[in-house]
Amino acid sequence: MATLKELRKLCGMTQKELAEKSGVNIRQIQKYESGEYDIYNMTAKTADAISHALGCSIDELVKMNTSIFTSEMTKAIKSGEMTLSDALEIDKYQKVIRLSKIGCFGDTFRANYRRIPESLIDKLTAEETAELVDAFYRCYSDGKNA
């Protein structure tokens, strides 16, 4: 799990900038970063404000692992070309490709991946999404072979 300091720095912000953008007192941010306050005990209001300022969800704020980001992703996040959420979506999509039995078949994989509603993809893990892609493919193949 990434620390608040890592996430803030990844976004190219100072403590002061995060405080201004989130509306959270800079001293409070310093206490979360130093470990004096536990990030898991943040109020919902504070977590929402900080996550919004960082461009991620509350869940991503407390569970994010920054080691998954490539140097290109890190640069894009720092420059504002990409949000943390965008980077996490890309990482998840790449995991789904690796986990799916049809991931190496680009067009076939994408056709079956697109069958999954976006609202559902957000709720599924990469493993569950890969299983669903493969299930759609099996259903399509079964229907085609019938």
C-alpha atoms as a PDB file:
ATOM      1  CA  MET A   1       0.000   0.000   0.000  1.00  0.00           C
ATOM      2  CA  ALA A   2       1.239   3.475  -0.870  1.00  0.00           C
ATOM      3  CA  THR A   3       1.513   6.170   1.719  1.00  0.00           C
ATOM      4  CA  LEU A   4      -0.259   9.489   1.369  1.00  0.00           C
ATOM      5  CA  LYS A   5       3.135  11.112   0.879  1.00  0.00           C
ATOM      6  CA  GLU A   6       3.954   8.767  -2.032  1.00  0.00           C
ATOM      7  CA  LEU A   7       0.617   9.473  -3.686  1.00  0.00           C
ATOM      8  CA  ARG A   8       0.968  13.214  -3.213  1.00  0.00           C
ATOM      9  CA  LYS A   9       4.482  13.192  -4.663  1.00  0.00           C
ATOM     10  CA  LEU A  10       3.365  10.950  -7.516  1.00  0.00           C
ATOM     11  CA  CYS A  11       0.832  13.623  -8.414  1.00  0.00           C
ATOM     12  CA  GLY A  12       3.577  16.245  -8.257  1.00  0.00           C
ATOM     13  CA  MET A  13       1.985  18.164  -5.378  1.00  0.00           C
ATOM     14  CA  THR A  14       3.419  19.792  -2.298  1.00  0.00           C
ATOM     15  CA  GLN A  15       1.661  19.445   1.043  1.00  0.00           C
ATOM     16  CA  LYS A  16       0.472  23.022   0.661  1.00  0.00           C
ATOM     17  CA  GLU A  17      -0.979  22.337  -2.806  1.00  0.00           C
ATOM     18  CA  LEU A  18      -2.770  19.216  -1.582  1.00  0.00           C
ATOM     19  CA  ALA A  19      -4.152  21.152   1.380  1.00  0.00           C
ATOM     20  CA  GLU A  20      -5.418  23.942  -0.886  1.00  0.00           C
ATOM     21  CA  LYS A  21      -6.884  21.601  -3.478  1.00  0.00           C
ATOM     22  CA  SER A  22      -8.558  19.333  -0.919  1.00  0.00           C
ATOM     23  CA  GLY A  23      -9.573  21.933   1.640  1.00  0.00           C
ATOM     24  CA  VAL A  24      -7.930  19.816   4.359  1.00  0.00           C
ATOM     25  CA  ASN A  25      -5.715  21.626   6.863  1.00  0.00           C
ATOM     26  CA  ILE A  26      -2.018  21.283   5.971  1.00  0.00           C
ATOM     27  CA  ARG A  27      -1.167  20.231   9.539  1.00  0.00           C
ATOM     28  CA  GLN A  28      -3.660  17.378   9.265  1.00  0.00           C
ATOM     29  CA  ILE A  29      -2.058  16.239   5.993  1.00  0.00           C
ATOM     30  CA  GLN A  30       1.353  16.370   7.675  1.00  0.00           C
ATOM     31  CA  LYS A  31       0.064  14.194  10.514  1.00  0.00           C
ATOM     32  CA  TYR A  32      -1.290  11.579   8.065  1.00  0.00           C
ATOM     33  CA  GLU A  33       1.993  11.593   6.168  1.00  0.00           C
ATOM     34  CA  SER A  34       4.134  11.267   9.299  1.00  0.00           C
ATOM     35  CA  GLY A  35       2.001   8.420  10.638  1.00  0.00           C
ATOM     36  CA  GLU A  36       0.814  10.413  13.631  1.00  0.00           C
ATOM     37  CA  TYR A  37      -2.710   9.922  12.252  1.00  0.00           C
ATOM     38  CA  ASP A  38      -3.736   6.605  10.688  1.00  0.00           C
ATOM     39  CA  ILE A  39      -5.015   6.951   7.124  1.00  0.00           C
ATOM     40  CA  TYR A  40      -7.554   4.185   7.879  1.00  0.00           C
ATOM     41  CA  ASN A  41      -9.131   6.350  10.576  1.00  0.00           C
ATOM     42  CA  MET A  42      -9.754   9.352   8.309  1.00  0.00           C
ATOM     43  CA  THR A  43     -13.256  10.735   8.316  1.00  0.00           C
ATOM     44  CA  ALA A  44     -15.225  10.052   5.150  1.00  0.00           C
ATOM     45  CA  LYS A  45     -15.245  13.795   4.424  1.00  0.00           C
ATOM     46  CA  THR A  46     -11.444  14.049   4.685  1.00  0.00           C
ATOM     47  CA  ALA A  47     -10.856  10.871   2.654  1.00  0.00           C
ATOM     48  CA  ASP A  48     -13.241  12.098  -0.040  1.00  0.00           C
ATOM     49  CA  ALA A  49     -11.584  15.518  -0.215  1.00  0.00           C
ATOM     50  CA  ILE A  50      -8.042  14.129  -0.392  1.00  0.00           C
ATOM     51  CA  SER A  51      -8.888  11.375  -2.869  1.00  0.00           C
ATOM     52  CA  HIS A  52     -10.709  13.866  -5.091  1.00  0.00           C
ATOM     53  CA  ALA A  53      -7.713  16.221  -4.986  1.00  0.00           C
ATOM     54  CA  LEU A  54      -5.406  13.337  -5.939  1.00  0.00           C
ATOM     55  CA  GLY A  55      -7.730  12.146  -8.712  1.00  0.00           C
ATOM     56  CA  CYS A  56      -8.572   8.732  -7.305  1.00  0.00           C
ATOM     57  CA  SER A  57     -11.340   7.007  -5.373  1.00  0.00           C
ATOM     58  CA  ILE A  58     -11.306   6.590  -1.600  1.00  0.00           C
ATOM     59  CA  ASP A  59     -10.750   2.853  -2.062  1.00  0.00           C
ATOM     60  CA  GLU A  60      -7.772   3.532  -4.336  1.00  0.00           C
ATOM     61  CA  LEU A  61      -6.425   6.039  -1.804  1.00  0.00           C
ATOM     62  CA  VAL A  62      -6.166   3.421   0.929  1.00  0.00           C
ATOM     63  CA  LYS A  63      -5.279   0.381  -1.200  1.00  0.00           C
ATOM     64  CA  MET A  64      -3.065   1.756  -3.986  1.00  0.00           C
ATOM     65  CA  ASN A  65       0.284   0.132  -4.704  1.00  0.00           C
ATOM     66  CA  THR A  66       2.484   2.614  -6.579  1.00  0.00           C
ATOM     67  CA  SER A  67       5.070  -0.027  -7.479  1.00  0.00           C
ATOM     68  CA  ILE A  68       2.820  -1.072 -10.389  1.00  0.00           C
ATOM     69  CA  PHE A  69       3.436   2.190 -12.228  1.00  0.00           C
ATOM     70  CA  THR A  70       5.983   2.355 -15.025  1.00  0.00           C
ATOM     71  CA  SER A  71       8.229   5.395 -15.302  1.00  0.00           C
ATOM     72  CA  GLU A  72       6.105   6.573 -18.255  1.00  0.00           C
ATOM     73  CA  MET A  73       2.936   6.356 -16.148  1.00  0.00           C
ATOM     74  CA  THR A  74       4.610   8.222 -13.309  1.00  0.00           C
ATOM     75  CA  LYS A  75       5.667  11.023 -15.671  1.00  0.00           C
ATOM     76  CA  ALA A  76       2.166  11.214 -17.169  1.00  0.00           C
ATOM     77  CA  ILE A  77       0.572  11.414 -13.720  1.00  0.00           C
ATOM     78  CA  LYS A  78       2.990  14.102 -12.559  1.00  0.00           C
ATOM     79  CA  SER A  79       2.405  16.157 -15.710  1.00  0.00           C
ATOM     80  CA  GLY A  80      -1.370  15.839 -15.384  1.00  0.00           C
ATOM     81  CA  GLU A  81      -1.781  13.889 -18.633  1.00  0.00           C
ATOM     82  CA  MET A  82      -3.156  10.955 -16.629  1.00  0.00           C
ATOM     83  CA  THR A  83      -4.880  10.542 -13.272  1.00  0.00           C
ATOM     84  CA  LEU A  84      -4.126   7.895 -10.687  1.00  0.00           C
ATOM     85  CA  SER A  85      -7.431   6.234 -11.574  1.00  0.00           C
ATOM     86  CA  ASP A  86      -6.454   6.128 -15.256  1.00  0.00           C
ATOM     87  CA  ALA A  87      -3.167   4.434 -14.374  1.00  0.00           C
ATOM     88  CA  LEU A  88      -4.948   1.873 -12.200  1.00  0.00           C
ATOM     89  CA  GLU A  89      -7.439   1.101 -14.981  1.00  0.00           C
ATOM     90  CA  ILE A  90      -4.584   0.540 -17.435  1.00  0.00           C
ATOM     91  CA  ASP A  91      -2.815  -1.724 -14.974  1.00  0.00           C
ATOM     92  CA  LYS A  92      -5.992  -3.723 -14.339  1.00  0.00           C
ATOM     93  CA  TYR A  93      -6.671  -4.088 -18.085  1.00  0.00           C
ATOM     94  CA  GLN A  94      -3.130  -5.399 -18.640  1.00  0.00           C
ATOM     95  CA  LYS A  95      -3.613  -7.902 -15.798  1.00  0.00           C
ATOM     96  CA  VAL A  96      -6.890  -9.077 -17.342  1.00  0.00           C
ATOM     97  CA  ILE A  97      -5.110  -9.644 -20.658  1.00  0.00           C
ATOM     98  CA  ARG A  98      -2.425 -11.730 -18.918  1.00  0.00           C
ATOM     99  CA  LEU A  99      -4.971 -13.736 -16.907  1.00  0.00           C
ATOM    100  CA  SER A 100      -7.444 -14.409 -19.713  1.00  0.00           C
ATOM    101  CA  LYS A 101      -7.050 -17.579 -21.751  1.00  0.00           C
ATOM    102  CA  ILE A 102      -7.749 -15.520 -24.883  1.00  0.00           C
ATOM    103  CA  GLY A 103      -5.636 -12.507 -23.865  1.00  0.00           C
ATOM    104  CA  CYS A 104      -3.065 -13.180 -26.598  1.00  0.00           C
ATOM    105  CA  PHE A 105      -5.768 -12.957 -29.272  1.00  0.00           C
ATOM    106  CA  GLY A 106      -6.127  -9.169 -29.397  1.00  0.00           C
ATOM    107  CA  ASP A 107      -9.289  -8.665 -31.456  1.00  0.00           C
ATOM    108  CA  THR A 108     -11.100 -11.630 -29.907  1.00  0.00           C
ATOM    109  CA  PHE A 109     -10.144 -10.544 -26.401  1.00  0.00           C
ATOM    110  CA  ARG A 110     -11.254  -6.930 -26.973  1.00  0.00           C
ATOM    111  CA  ALA A 111     -14.578  -8.027 -28.495  1.00  0.00           C
ATOM    112  CA  ASN A 112     -15.396 -10.129 -25.438  1.00  0.00           C
ATOM    113  CA  TYR A 113     -14.045  -7.557 -22.960  1.00  0.00           C
ATOM    114  CA  ARG A 114     -16.347  -4.903 -24.467  1.00  0.00           C
ATOM    115  CA  ARG A 115     -19.363  -7.097 -23.666  1.00  0.00           C
ATOM    116  CA  ILE A 116     -18.839  -6.430 -19.949  1.00  0.00           C
ATOM    117  CA  PRO A 117     -20.711  -3.319 -18.726  1.00  0.00           C
ATOM    118  CA  GLU A 118     -18.328  -0.621 -17.451  1.00  0.00           C
ATOM    119  CA  SER A 119     -20.237  -0.406 -14.186  1.00  0.00           C
ATOM    120  CA  LEU A 120     -19.512  -4.099 -13.609  1.00  0.00           C
ATOM    121  CA  ILE A 121     -15.823  -3.932 -14.578  1.00  0.00           C
ATOM    122  CA  ASP A 122     -15.248  -1.374 -11.829  1.00  0.00           C
ATOM    123  CA  LYS A 123     -16.623  -3.822  -9.239  1.00  0.00           C
ATOM    124  CA  LEU A 124     -14.658  -6.888 -10.371  1.00  0.00           C
ATOM    125  CA  THR A 125     -11.071  -7.855  -9.685  1.00  0.00           C
ATOM    126  CA  ALA A 126      -8.754  -8.488 -12.615  1.00  0.00           C
ATOM    127  CA  GLU A 127      -9.139 -12.234 -12.017  1.00  0.00           C
ATOM    128  CA  GLU A 128     -12.939 -12.055 -12.055  1.00  0.00           C
ATOM    129  CA  THR A 129     -12.916  -9.873 -15.162  1.00  0.00           C
ATOM    130  CA  ALA A 130     -10.635 -12.335 -16.988  1.00  0.00           C
ATOM    131  CA  GLU A 131     -12.957 -15.205 -16.041  1.00  0.00           C
ATOM    132  CA  LEU A 132     -15.934 -13.266 -17.389  1.00  0.00           C
ATOM    133  CA  VAL A 133     -14.132 -12.466 -20.667  1.00  0.00           C
ATOM    134  CA  ASP A 134     -13.345 -16.153 -21.091  1.00  0.00           C
ATOM    135  CA  ALA A 135     -16.954 -17.104 -20.243  1.00  0.00           C
ATOM    136  CA  PHE A 136     -18.287 -14.721 -22.894  1.00  0.00           C
ATOM    137  CA  TYR A 137     -15.898 -16.259 -25.387  1.00  0.00           C
ATOM    138  CA  ARG A 138     -17.048 -19.805 -24.502  1.00  0.00           C
ATOM    139  CA  CYS A 139     -20.703 -18.774 -24.843  1.00  0.00           C
ATOM    140  CA  TYR A 140     -20.047 -17.211 -28.229  1.00  0.00           C
ATOM    141  CA  SER A 141     -18.065 -20.261 -29.378  1.00  0.00           C
ATOM    142  CA  ASP A 142     -20.740 -22.672 -28.139  1.00  0.00           C
ATOM    143  CA  GLY A 143     -23.435 -20.740 -29.979  1.00  0.00           C
ATOM    144  CA  LYS A 144     -21.357 -20.589 -33.147  1.00  0.00           C
ATOM    145  CA  ASN A 145     -20.667 -24.350 -33.027  1.00  0.00           C
ATOM    146  CA  ALA A 146     -24.280 -25.332 -32.329  1.00  0.00           C
END
